[in-house]
Amino acid sequence: MTADIALVLGASASGKSRLIRRVLEIAHAGGVLRDVRCAQRFTTRATRVAESLPGENEFLESEEFRRRVSCGEIDIDWSRQVTADRANWYGFSLGPQLDLPGLVLLSANNYLDWEANPLLSELRVEGRLVVVRVYAARETREARLRERRPLSPTTSSTRGFRTSRVSCSQVPTISSPMTRNSSTVRLGSS
């Protein structure tokens, strides 16, 4: 038996961790889901005052992150450019999880180009990958970001947001056989 993968994608503060936390609560309460686990994520970003899912991230220095990628310990990696001279790196060590039964949950921001990753592409072709896109209104995300890391009086309230010309209503839930394992979840302000 091998693991299936649920990749939960969304912008910062869209509700990815909230969704994953709820799925894990149901699974661990003896619900219909069994053998559900959250994959360890590695990152070079700074820690937050309150992490969404405690223990979700292992924080690494950039050099250690690069070392783990080069030796194959991290097999899915991507970056988010924070400033002109600084990027935050993220990654998963998925390989060891694939031979175990159950469902592995991955939480990633929109900067992960999952279709270009060889391992994720292979899992999609095998029918073992489902991609769940999580959306939340801009106002909801702004409020959550303020709760997560209060902004200083001199900081713009839209700091950290990427603008897009595609509205949520224009994003297809299922658009082709190549993306048939894709779902869209829209979370409100709760």
N, C-alpha and C. Protein backbone atom coordinates (compact mmCIF):
# COMPACT_ATOMS: atom_id res chain seq x y z
N MET A 1 0.86 -1.19 0.00
CA MET A 1 0.00 0.00 0.00
C MET A 1 0.89 1.24 0.00
N THR A 2 0.53 2.23 -0.77
CA THR A 2 1.32 3.46 -0.84
C THR A 2 0.44 4.66 -0.51
N ALA A 3 1.11 5.74 -0.14
CA ALA A 3 0.39 6.94 0.30
C ALA A 3 -0.14 7.74 -0.88
N ASP A 4 -1.28 8.37 -0.65
CA ASP A 4 -1.81 9.38 -1.56
C ASP A 4 -1.42 10.73 -0.97
N ILE A 5 -1.36 11.74 -1.83
CA ILE A 5 -0.91 13.07 -1.42
C ILE A 5 -2.01 14.08 -1.69
N ALA A 6 -2.30 14.92 -0.71
CA ALA A 6 -3.20 16.06 -0.89
C ALA A 6 -2.36 17.31 -0.71
N LEU A 7 -2.19 18.04 -1.80
CA LEU A 7 -1.42 19.28 -1.79
C LEU A 7 -2.39 20.44 -1.65
N VAL A 8 -2.31 21.14 -0.53
CA VAL A 8 -3.19 22.27 -0.24
C VAL A 8 -2.43 23.54 -0.58
N LEU A 9 -2.90 24.26 -1.61
CA LEU A 9 -2.24 25.47 -2.09
C LEU A 9 -3.09 26.69 -1.81
N GLY A 10 -2.43 27.79 -1.48
CA GLY A 10 -3.16 29.04 -1.29
C GLY A 10 -2.22 30.16 -0.89
N ALA A 11 -2.73 31.36 -0.96
CA ALA A 11 -1.96 32.54 -0.57
C ALA A 11 -1.78 32.57 0.94
N SER A 12 -0.89 33.42 1.40
CA SER A 12 -0.72 33.61 2.84
C SER A 12 -2.05 33.98 3.47
N ALA A 13 -2.36 33.34 4.59
CA ALA A 13 -3.56 33.63 5.38
C ALA A 13 -4.86 33.28 4.67
N SER A 14 -4.81 32.38 3.69
CA SER A 14 -6.03 31.99 2.99
C SER A 14 -6.81 30.92 3.73
N GLY A 15 -6.18 30.22 4.66
CA GLY A 15 -6.86 29.20 5.43
C GLY A 15 -6.34 27.79 5.22
N LYS A 16 -5.15 27.65 4.63
CA LYS A 16 -4.57 26.33 4.39
C LYS A 16 -4.39 25.55 5.69
N SER A 17 -3.75 26.18 6.66
CA SER A 17 -3.49 25.50 7.93
C SER A 17 -4.77 25.19 8.67
N ARG A 18 -5.73 26.08 8.59
CA ARG A 18 -7.04 25.88 9.22
C ARG A 18 -7.71 24.62 8.64
N LEU A 19 -7.67 24.48 7.31
CA LEU A 19 -8.25 23.31 6.65
C LEU A 19 -7.51 22.04 7.06
N ILE A 20 -6.19 22.07 7.02
CA ILE A 20 -5.39 20.89 7.38
C ILE A 20 -5.62 20.52 8.84
N ARG A 21 -5.64 21.51 9.72
CA ARG A 21 -5.88 21.24 11.14
C ARG A 21 -7.21 20.51 11.34
N ARG A 22 -8.24 20.94 10.62
CA ARG A 22 -9.57 20.31 10.76
C ARG A 22 -9.56 18.88 10.23
N VAL A 23 -8.91 18.64 9.10
CA VAL A 23 -8.81 17.28 8.56
C VAL A 23 -8.08 16.38 9.55
N LEU A 24 -6.99 16.88 10.14
CA LEU A 24 -6.24 16.09 11.12
C LEU A 24 -7.07 15.82 12.37
N GLU A 25 -7.85 16.81 12.82
CA GLU A 25 -8.72 16.61 13.98
C GLU A 25 -9.72 15.49 13.73
N ILE A 26 -10.33 15.50 12.56
CA ILE A 26 -11.31 14.46 12.22
C ILE A 26 -10.63 13.09 12.15
N ALA A 27 -9.47 13.04 11.51
CA ALA A 27 -8.75 11.77 11.36
C ALA A 27 -8.33 11.22 12.72
N HIS A 28 -7.81 12.07 13.57
CA HIS A 28 -7.31 11.61 14.86
C HIS A 28 -8.42 11.34 15.87
N ALA A 29 -9.61 11.83 15.60
CA ALA A 29 -10.75 11.57 16.49
C ALA A 29 -11.42 10.24 16.15
N GLY A 30 -10.83 9.48 15.24
CA GLY A 30 -11.39 8.18 14.87
C GLY A 30 -12.48 8.28 13.84
N GLY A 31 -12.47 9.37 13.08
CA GLY A 31 -13.48 9.56 12.04
C GLY A 31 -13.26 8.61 10.88
N VAL A 32 -13.83 8.94 9.76
CA VAL A 32 -13.76 8.07 8.59
C VAL A 32 -12.37 8.05 7.95
N LEU A 33 -11.55 9.06 8.25
CA LEU A 33 -10.21 9.12 7.67
C LEU A 33 -9.22 8.39 8.58
N ARG A 34 -8.36 7.61 7.98
CA ARG A 34 -7.36 6.89 8.76
C ARG A 34 -5.98 7.15 8.16
N ASP A 35 -4.97 7.01 8.99
CA ASP A 35 -3.58 7.17 8.54
C ASP A 35 -3.37 8.48 7.79
N VAL A 36 -3.84 9.56 8.36
CA VAL A 36 -3.65 10.88 7.77
C VAL A 36 -2.56 11.59 8.55
N ARG A 37 -1.59 12.15 7.83
CA ARG A 37 -0.50 12.86 8.49
C ARG A 37 -0.10 14.07 7.67
N CYS A 38 0.49 15.01 8.35
CA CYS A 38 0.97 16.24 7.71
C CYS A 38 2.46 16.09 7.48
N ALA A 39 2.90 16.32 6.26
CA ALA A 39 4.32 16.21 5.96
C ALA A 39 5.10 17.34 6.62
N GLN A 40 6.30 17.03 7.05
CA GLN A 40 7.18 18.04 7.62
C GLN A 40 7.60 19.01 6.53
N ARG A 41 7.44 20.31 6.80
CA ARG A 41 7.87 21.33 5.84
C ARG A 41 9.13 21.98 6.40
N PHE A 42 10.07 22.23 5.51
CA PHE A 42 11.31 22.91 5.86
C PHE A 42 11.25 24.31 5.28
N THR A 43 11.77 25.29 6.00
CA THR A 43 11.75 26.66 5.49
C THR A 43 12.90 27.48 6.05
N THR A 44 13.27 28.49 5.28
CA THR A 44 14.28 29.44 5.74
C THR A 44 13.65 30.73 6.24
N ARG A 45 12.32 30.82 6.21
CA ARG A 45 11.67 32.05 6.67
C ARG A 45 11.80 32.18 8.18
N ALA A 46 11.59 33.40 8.66
CA ALA A 46 11.65 33.65 10.09
C ALA A 46 10.45 33.02 10.78
N THR A 47 10.63 32.66 12.03
CA THR A 47 9.50 32.13 12.80
C THR A 47 8.52 33.26 13.10
N ARG A 48 7.27 32.88 13.28
CA ARG A 48 6.23 33.85 13.63
C ARG A 48 5.94 33.76 15.12
N VAL A 49 5.35 34.81 15.64
CA VAL A 49 4.97 34.81 17.05
C VAL A 49 4.04 33.64 17.32
N ALA A 50 3.07 33.43 16.46
CA ALA A 50 2.13 32.31 16.60
C ALA A 50 2.08 31.56 15.27
N GLU A 51 2.65 30.37 15.27
CA GLU A 51 2.61 29.54 14.06
C GLU A 51 1.21 28.93 13.93
N SER A 52 0.72 28.83 12.70
CA SER A 52 -0.62 28.29 12.44
C SER A 52 -0.76 26.85 12.90
N LEU A 53 0.18 26.02 12.53
CA LEU A 53 0.20 24.62 12.95
C LEU A 53 1.52 24.37 13.67
N PRO A 54 1.52 24.37 15.00
CA PRO A 54 2.77 24.14 15.73
C PRO A 54 3.43 22.84 15.28
N GLY A 55 4.73 22.90 15.02
CA GLY A 55 5.48 21.73 14.58
C GLY A 55 5.42 21.47 13.09
N GLU A 56 4.66 22.27 12.34
CA GLU A 56 4.55 22.06 10.90
C GLU A 56 5.87 22.35 10.19
N ASN A 57 6.59 23.36 10.64
CA ASN A 57 7.82 23.80 9.98
C ASN A 57 9.06 23.43 10.78
N GLU A 58 10.10 23.04 10.06
CA GLU A 58 11.43 22.95 10.64
C GLU A 58 12.20 24.11 10.03
N PHE A 59 12.68 25.01 10.87
CA PHE A 59 13.34 26.23 10.40
C PHE A 59 14.83 25.96 10.23
N LEU A 60 15.33 26.28 9.03
CA LEU A 60 16.73 26.02 8.67
C LEU A 60 17.40 27.29 8.20
N GLU A 61 18.71 27.34 8.37
CA GLU A 61 19.51 28.39 7.75
C GLU A 61 19.59 28.07 6.25
N SER A 62 19.81 29.09 5.43
CA SER A 62 19.85 28.90 3.97
C SER A 62 20.87 27.84 3.55
N GLU A 63 22.05 27.85 4.16
CA GLU A 63 23.10 26.89 3.79
C GLU A 63 22.66 25.45 4.07
N GLU A 64 22.04 25.24 5.23
CA GLU A 64 21.56 23.90 5.58
C GLU A 64 20.43 23.47 4.66
N PHE A 65 19.56 24.39 4.30
CA PHE A 65 18.47 24.07 3.37
C PHE A 65 19.06 23.61 2.03
N ARG A 66 20.01 24.39 1.49
CA ARG A 66 20.63 24.03 0.20
C ARG A 66 21.34 22.68 0.28
N ARG A 67 21.99 22.41 1.42
CA ARG A 67 22.69 21.13 1.59
C ARG A 67 21.68 19.97 1.51
N ARG A 68 20.55 20.12 2.19
CA ARG A 68 19.54 19.05 2.19
C ARG A 68 18.93 18.84 0.81
N VAL A 69 18.76 19.92 0.05
CA VAL A 69 18.26 19.78 -1.32
C VAL A 69 19.29 19.05 -2.17
N SER A 70 20.56 19.46 -2.08
CA SER A 70 21.59 18.87 -2.93
C SER A 70 21.83 17.40 -2.64
N CYS A 71 21.64 16.97 -1.39
CA CYS A 71 21.84 15.55 -1.09
C CYS A 71 20.55 14.74 -1.18
N GLY A 72 19.44 15.37 -1.59
CA GLY A 72 18.19 14.66 -1.82
C GLY A 72 17.30 14.47 -0.61
N GLU A 73 17.68 15.04 0.53
CA GLU A 73 16.82 14.93 1.72
C GLU A 73 15.53 15.72 1.54
N ILE A 74 15.60 16.84 0.84
CA ILE A 74 14.42 17.63 0.49
C ILE A 74 14.19 17.41 -1.00
N ASP A 75 13.05 16.79 -1.36
CA ASP A 75 12.82 16.45 -2.77
C ASP A 75 11.80 17.34 -3.46
N ILE A 76 11.16 18.24 -2.73
CA ILE A 76 10.28 19.25 -3.32
C ILE A 76 10.70 20.58 -2.71
N ASP A 77 11.12 21.52 -3.54
CA ASP A 77 11.54 22.82 -3.00
C ASP A 77 11.12 23.95 -3.93
N TRP A 78 10.92 25.12 -3.33
CA TRP A 78 10.54 26.32 -4.07
C TRP A 78 10.88 27.53 -3.22
N SER A 79 10.83 28.71 -3.84
CA SER A 79 11.16 29.93 -3.09
C SER A 79 10.13 31.01 -3.33
N ARG A 80 10.12 31.95 -2.41
CA ARG A 80 9.29 33.15 -2.51
C ARG A 80 10.20 34.34 -2.31
N GLN A 81 10.30 35.19 -3.33
CA GLN A 81 11.13 36.39 -3.24
C GLN A 81 10.47 37.37 -2.28
N VAL A 82 11.15 37.73 -1.20
CA VAL A 82 10.60 38.62 -0.19
C VAL A 82 11.01 40.06 -0.45
N THR A 83 12.29 40.26 -0.76
CA THR A 83 12.82 41.56 -1.15
C THR A 83 13.71 41.33 -2.35
N ALA A 84 14.27 42.41 -2.89
CA ALA A 84 15.13 42.28 -4.07
C ALA A 84 16.33 41.36 -3.81
N ASP A 85 16.79 41.31 -2.57
CA ASP A 85 17.99 40.52 -2.27
C ASP A 85 17.74 39.36 -1.29
N ARG A 86 16.49 39.04 -1.02
CA ARG A 86 16.21 37.96 -0.06
C ARG A 86 15.00 37.14 -0.49
N ALA A 87 15.17 35.83 -0.39
CA ALA A 87 14.08 34.90 -0.69
C ALA A 87 13.90 33.94 0.48
N ASN A 88 12.67 33.52 0.71
CA ASN A 88 12.38 32.46 1.67
C ASN A 88 12.26 31.16 0.88
N TRP A 89 12.92 30.13 1.34
CA TRP A 89 12.87 28.82 0.70
C TRP A 89 11.98 27.89 1.51
N TYR A 90 11.28 27.01 0.81
CA TYR A 90 10.37 26.04 1.42
C TYR A 90 10.62 24.68 0.77
N GLY A 91 10.35 23.62 1.49
CA GLY A 91 10.51 22.30 0.91
C GLY A 91 9.89 21.20 1.75
N PHE A 92 9.77 20.02 1.13
CA PHE A 92 9.26 18.83 1.79
C PHE A 92 10.21 17.67 1.53
N SER A 93 10.28 16.77 2.47
CA SER A 93 10.96 15.50 2.29
C SER A 93 9.87 14.46 2.14
N LEU A 94 9.41 14.28 0.93
CA LEU A 94 8.24 13.43 0.69
C LEU A 94 8.60 11.97 0.45
N GLY A 95 9.77 11.71 -0.12
CA GLY A 95 10.17 10.36 -0.49
C GLY A 95 9.90 9.29 0.56
N PRO A 96 10.38 9.48 1.81
CA PRO A 96 10.16 8.44 2.83
C PRO A 96 8.69 8.20 3.16
N GLN A 97 7.83 9.16 2.91
CA GLN A 97 6.40 9.04 3.23
C GLN A 97 5.63 8.21 2.19
N LEU A 98 6.18 8.12 0.98
CA LEU A 98 5.42 7.55 -0.14
C LEU A 98 5.15 6.05 -0.03
N ASP A 99 5.99 5.32 0.69
CA ASP A 99 5.81 3.87 0.79
C ASP A 99 4.92 3.47 1.96
N LEU A 100 4.48 4.45 2.76
CA LEU A 100 3.60 4.17 3.89
C LEU A 100 2.15 4.33 3.45
N PRO A 101 1.23 3.57 4.04
CA PRO A 101 -0.18 3.72 3.66
C PRO A 101 -0.75 5.03 4.19
N GLY A 102 -1.87 5.44 3.62
CA GLY A 102 -2.59 6.59 4.14
C GLY A 102 -2.55 7.80 3.23
N LEU A 103 -2.80 8.94 3.85
CA LEU A 103 -2.87 10.22 3.14
C LEU A 103 -1.88 11.18 3.77
N VAL A 104 -1.05 11.81 2.93
CA VAL A 104 -0.08 12.79 3.39
C VAL A 104 -0.55 14.16 2.93
N LEU A 105 -0.67 15.09 3.88
CA LEU A 105 -1.10 16.46 3.59
C LEU A 105 0.11 17.36 3.46
N LEU A 106 0.14 18.13 2.37
CA LEU A 106 1.19 19.13 2.15
C LEU A 106 0.54 20.49 2.10
N SER A 107 1.12 21.47 2.76
CA SER A 107 0.61 22.84 2.73
C SER A 107 1.66 23.73 2.09
N ALA A 108 1.28 24.43 1.01
CA ALA A 108 2.25 25.25 0.29
C ALA A 108 1.61 26.54 -0.18
N ASN A 109 2.43 27.58 -0.27
CA ASN A 109 1.94 28.85 -0.80
C ASN A 109 1.88 28.79 -2.32
N ASN A 110 1.32 29.81 -2.92
CA ASN A 110 1.11 29.83 -4.38
C ASN A 110 2.40 29.90 -5.19
N TYR A 111 3.53 30.03 -4.55
CA TYR A 111 4.79 30.11 -5.28
C TYR A 111 5.31 28.75 -5.71
N LEU A 112 4.74 27.68 -5.18
CA LEU A 112 5.14 26.33 -5.59
C LEU A 112 4.54 26.03 -6.96
N ASP A 113 5.41 25.79 -7.94
CA ASP A 113 4.96 25.40 -9.28
C ASP A 113 4.88 23.87 -9.29
N TRP A 114 3.81 23.35 -8.74
CA TRP A 114 3.69 21.91 -8.54
C TRP A 114 3.68 21.13 -9.84
N GLU A 115 3.20 21.72 -10.92
CA GLU A 115 3.15 21.01 -12.20
C GLU A 115 4.54 20.82 -12.79
N ALA A 116 5.51 21.64 -12.40
CA ALA A 116 6.87 21.53 -12.91
C ALA A 116 7.74 20.61 -12.06
N ASN A 117 7.27 20.21 -10.89
CA ASN A 117 8.07 19.36 -10.02
C ASN A 117 7.95 17.91 -10.49
N PRO A 118 9.09 17.26 -10.79
CA PRO A 118 9.05 15.89 -11.33
C PRO A 118 8.33 14.89 -10.42
N LEU A 119 8.58 14.95 -9.12
CA LEU A 119 7.95 14.00 -8.21
C LEU A 119 6.43 14.21 -8.15
N LEU A 120 5.99 15.45 -8.04
CA LEU A 120 4.55 15.72 -7.99
C LEU A 120 3.88 15.39 -9.31
N SER A 121 4.57 15.65 -10.42
CA SER A 121 4.02 15.29 -11.74
C SER A 121 3.83 13.78 -11.86
N GLU A 122 4.82 13.03 -11.39
CA GLU A 122 4.72 11.57 -11.44
C GLU A 122 3.55 11.07 -10.58
N LEU A 123 3.39 11.65 -9.40
CA LEU A 123 2.28 11.26 -8.52
C LEU A 123 0.94 11.59 -9.16
N ARG A 124 0.87 12.70 -9.87
CA ARG A 124 -0.37 13.08 -10.55
C ARG A 124 -0.71 12.07 -11.63
N VAL A 125 0.28 11.69 -12.42
CA VAL A 125 0.06 10.71 -13.49
C VAL A 125 -0.40 9.38 -12.90
N GLU A 126 0.15 9.00 -11.75
CA GLU A 126 -0.23 7.75 -11.08
C GLU A 126 -1.60 7.84 -10.41
N GLY A 127 -2.19 9.03 -10.37
CA GLY A 127 -3.48 9.21 -9.71
C GLY A 127 -3.39 9.27 -8.20
N ARG A 128 -2.21 9.58 -7.68
CA ARG A 128 -1.98 9.62 -6.23
C ARG A 128 -1.93 11.04 -5.67
N LEU A 129 -2.15 12.05 -6.49
CA LEU A 129 -2.06 13.44 -6.06
C LEU A 129 -3.38 14.16 -6.31
N VAL A 130 -3.88 14.83 -5.29
CA VAL A 130 -5.01 15.72 -5.45
C VAL A 130 -4.53 17.10 -5.00
N VAL A 131 -4.88 18.12 -5.77
CA VAL A 131 -4.50 19.49 -5.45
C VAL A 131 -5.75 20.24 -5.00
N VAL A 132 -5.68 20.82 -3.82
CA VAL A 132 -6.79 21.60 -3.27
C VAL A 132 -6.33 23.04 -3.18
N ARG A 133 -7.03 23.92 -3.89
CA ARG A 133 -6.69 25.35 -3.86
C ARG A 133 -7.62 26.05 -2.89
N VAL A 134 -7.04 26.79 -1.95
CA VAL A 134 -7.81 27.48 -0.92
C VAL A 134 -7.77 28.98 -1.21
N TYR A 135 -8.94 29.60 -1.22
CA TYR A 135 -9.05 31.03 -1.47
C TYR A 135 -9.78 31.70 -0.31
N ALA A 136 -9.41 32.92 -0.03
CA ALA A 136 -10.13 33.75 0.95
C ALA A 136 -10.12 35.18 0.42
N ALA A 137 -11.13 35.93 0.79
CA ALA A 137 -11.24 37.32 0.36
C ALA A 137 -10.03 38.12 0.87
N ARG A 138 -9.65 39.11 0.10
CA ARG A 138 -8.51 39.95 0.46
C ARG A 138 -8.66 40.53 1.87
N GLU A 139 -9.85 41.01 2.20
CA GLU A 139 -10.08 41.60 3.52
C GLU A 139 -9.87 40.56 4.62
N THR A 140 -10.30 39.35 4.38
CA THR A 140 -10.12 38.27 5.35
C THR A 140 -8.64 37.97 5.53
N ARG A 141 -7.92 37.89 4.42
CA ARG A 141 -6.48 37.63 4.50
C ARG A 141 -5.75 38.75 5.22
N GLU A 142 -6.11 40.00 4.91
CA GLU A 142 -5.46 41.13 5.59
C GLU A 142 -5.68 41.06 7.10
N ALA A 143 -6.91 40.75 7.51
CA ALA A 143 -7.21 40.66 8.95
C ALA A 143 -6.40 39.53 9.60
N ARG A 144 -6.32 38.41 8.93
CA ARG A 144 -5.55 37.28 9.47
C ARG A 144 -4.07 37.61 9.56
N LEU A 145 -3.54 38.30 8.54
CA LEU A 145 -2.13 38.67 8.58
C LEU A 145 -1.85 39.66 9.71
N ARG A 146 -2.77 40.57 9.96
CA ARG A 146 -2.59 41.51 11.08
C ARG A 146 -2.57 40.75 12.41
N GLU A 147 -3.43 39.74 12.55
CA GLU A 147 -3.43 38.93 13.77
C GLU A 147 -2.13 38.14 13.90
N ARG A 148 -1.64 37.66 12.77
CA ARG A 148 -0.45 36.82 12.75
C ARG A 148 0.81 37.62 13.07
N ARG A 149 0.94 38.78 12.50
CA ARG A 149 2.10 39.64 12.73
C ARG A 149 1.64 41.08 12.63
N PRO A 150 1.36 41.70 13.74
CA PRO A 150 0.85 43.08 13.72
C PRO A 150 1.76 43.99 12.91
N LEU A 151 1.14 44.86 12.11
CA LEU A 151 1.88 45.79 11.27
C LEU A 151 2.26 47.03 12.07
N SER A 152 3.42 47.57 11.77
CA SER A 152 3.82 48.82 12.43
C SER A 152 3.08 49.97 11.77
N PRO A 153 2.98 51.13 12.45
CA PRO A 153 2.25 52.27 11.87
C PRO A 153 2.81 52.75 10.53
N THR A 154 4.07 52.44 10.24
CA THR A 154 4.67 52.91 8.99
C THR A 154 4.62 51.88 7.88
N THR A 155 4.01 50.73 8.13
CA THR A 155 3.97 49.65 7.14
C THR A 155 2.64 49.67 6.40
N SER A 156 2.70 49.47 5.11
CA SER A 156 1.49 49.42 4.29
C SER A 156 0.65 48.21 4.67
N SER A 157 -0.66 48.38 4.69
CA SER A 157 -1.56 47.27 5.05
C SER A 157 -1.61 46.20 3.98
N THR A 158 -1.09 46.46 2.80
CA THR A 158 -1.12 45.46 1.74
C THR A 158 0.23 44.78 1.57
N ARG A 159 1.14 44.98 2.51
CA ARG A 159 2.45 44.35 2.42
C ARG A 159 2.29 42.84 2.31
N GLY A 160 3.05 42.24 1.43
CA GLY A 160 3.05 40.81 1.31
C GLY A 160 1.99 40.24 0.38
N PHE A 161 1.16 41.06 -0.22
CA PHE A 161 0.13 40.55 -1.11
C PHE A 161 0.60 40.63 -2.55
N ARG A 162 0.38 39.56 -3.29
CA ARG A 162 0.61 39.58 -4.73
C ARG A 162 -0.71 39.93 -5.39
N THR A 163 -0.65 40.80 -6.36
CA THR A 163 -1.89 41.12 -7.07
C THR A 163 -2.00 40.21 -8.28
N SER A 164 -3.21 39.94 -8.68
CA SER A 164 -3.46 39.06 -9.80
C SER A 164 -4.61 39.61 -10.62
N ARG A 165 -4.54 39.40 -11.92
CA ARG A 165 -5.62 39.86 -12.80
C ARG A 165 -6.73 38.83 -12.92
N VAL A 166 -6.58 37.68 -12.29
CA VAL A 166 -7.59 36.64 -12.36
C VAL A 166 -8.35 36.64 -11.04
N SER A 167 -9.66 36.79 -11.12
CA SER A 167 -10.46 36.74 -9.89
C SER A 167 -10.73 35.29 -9.53
N CYS A 168 -11.12 35.06 -8.30
CA CYS A 168 -11.41 33.69 -7.85
C CYS A 168 -12.48 33.04 -8.71
N SER A 169 -13.46 33.81 -9.15
CA SER A 169 -14.54 33.23 -9.95
C SER A 169 -14.07 32.80 -11.33
N GLN A 170 -12.90 33.29 -11.77
CA GLN A 170 -12.39 32.92 -13.09
C GLN A 170 -11.50 31.69 -13.04
N VAL A 171 -11.15 31.21 -11.84
CA VAL A 171 -10.27 30.07 -11.73
C VAL A 171 -11.09 28.79 -11.83
N PRO A 172 -10.80 27.94 -12.81
CA PRO A 172 -11.60 26.72 -12.97
C PRO A 172 -11.31 25.73 -11.85
N THR A 173 -12.34 25.06 -11.38
CA THR A 173 -12.17 24.02 -10.38
C THR A 173 -11.58 22.77 -11.04
N ILE A 174 -12.19 22.35 -12.12
CA ILE A 174 -11.68 21.22 -12.88
C ILE A 174 -11.70 21.64 -14.34
N SER A 175 -10.52 21.72 -14.95
CA SER A 175 -10.48 22.29 -16.29
C SER A 175 -10.07 21.31 -17.37
N SER A 176 -9.39 20.24 -17.03
CA SER A 176 -8.95 19.30 -18.05
C SER A 176 -8.56 17.99 -17.38
N PRO A 177 -8.34 16.94 -18.17
CA PRO A 177 -7.90 15.68 -17.58
C PRO A 177 -6.59 15.84 -16.80
N MET A 178 -5.74 16.78 -17.21
CA MET A 178 -4.47 16.97 -16.51
C MET A 178 -4.68 17.56 -15.13
N THR A 179 -5.80 18.25 -14.91
CA THR A 179 -6.04 18.83 -13.59
C THR A 179 -7.29 18.23 -12.95
N ARG A 180 -7.65 17.03 -13.35
CA ARG A 180 -8.88 16.43 -12.83
C ARG A 180 -8.79 16.19 -11.33
N ASN A 181 -7.60 16.09 -10.79
CA ASN A 181 -7.43 15.88 -9.36
C ASN A 181 -7.24 17.21 -8.65
N SER A 182 -8.04 18.19 -9.00
CA SER A 182 -7.92 19.52 -8.42
C SER A 182 -9.26 19.96 -7.88
N SER A 183 -9.25 20.57 -6.71
CA SER A 183 -10.47 21.09 -6.10
C SER A 183 -10.23 22.50 -5.63
N THR A 184 -11.30 23.26 -5.51
CA THR A 184 -11.21 24.62 -5.02
C THR A 184 -12.02 24.73 -3.74
N VAL A 185 -11.43 25.34 -2.74
CA VAL A 185 -12.12 25.57 -1.48
C VAL A 185 -12.06 27.06 -1.21
N ARG A 186 -13.19 27.67 -0.94
CA ARG A 186 -13.23 29.09 -0.60
C ARG A 186 -13.63 29.20 0.87
N LEU A 187 -12.76 29.82 1.65
CA LEU A 187 -13.02 29.97 3.07
C LEU A 187 -13.42 31.39 3.38
N GLY A 188 -14.43 31.55 4.19
CA GLY A 188 -14.89 32.88 4.59
C GLY A 188 -14.06 33.43 5.73
N SER A 189 -14.63 34.35 6.45
CA SER A 189 -13.89 35.03 7.50
C SER A 189 -13.92 34.30 8.83
N SER A 190 -14.55 33.15 8.90
CA SER A 190 -14.62 32.43 10.17
C SER A 190 -13.30 31.77 10.52
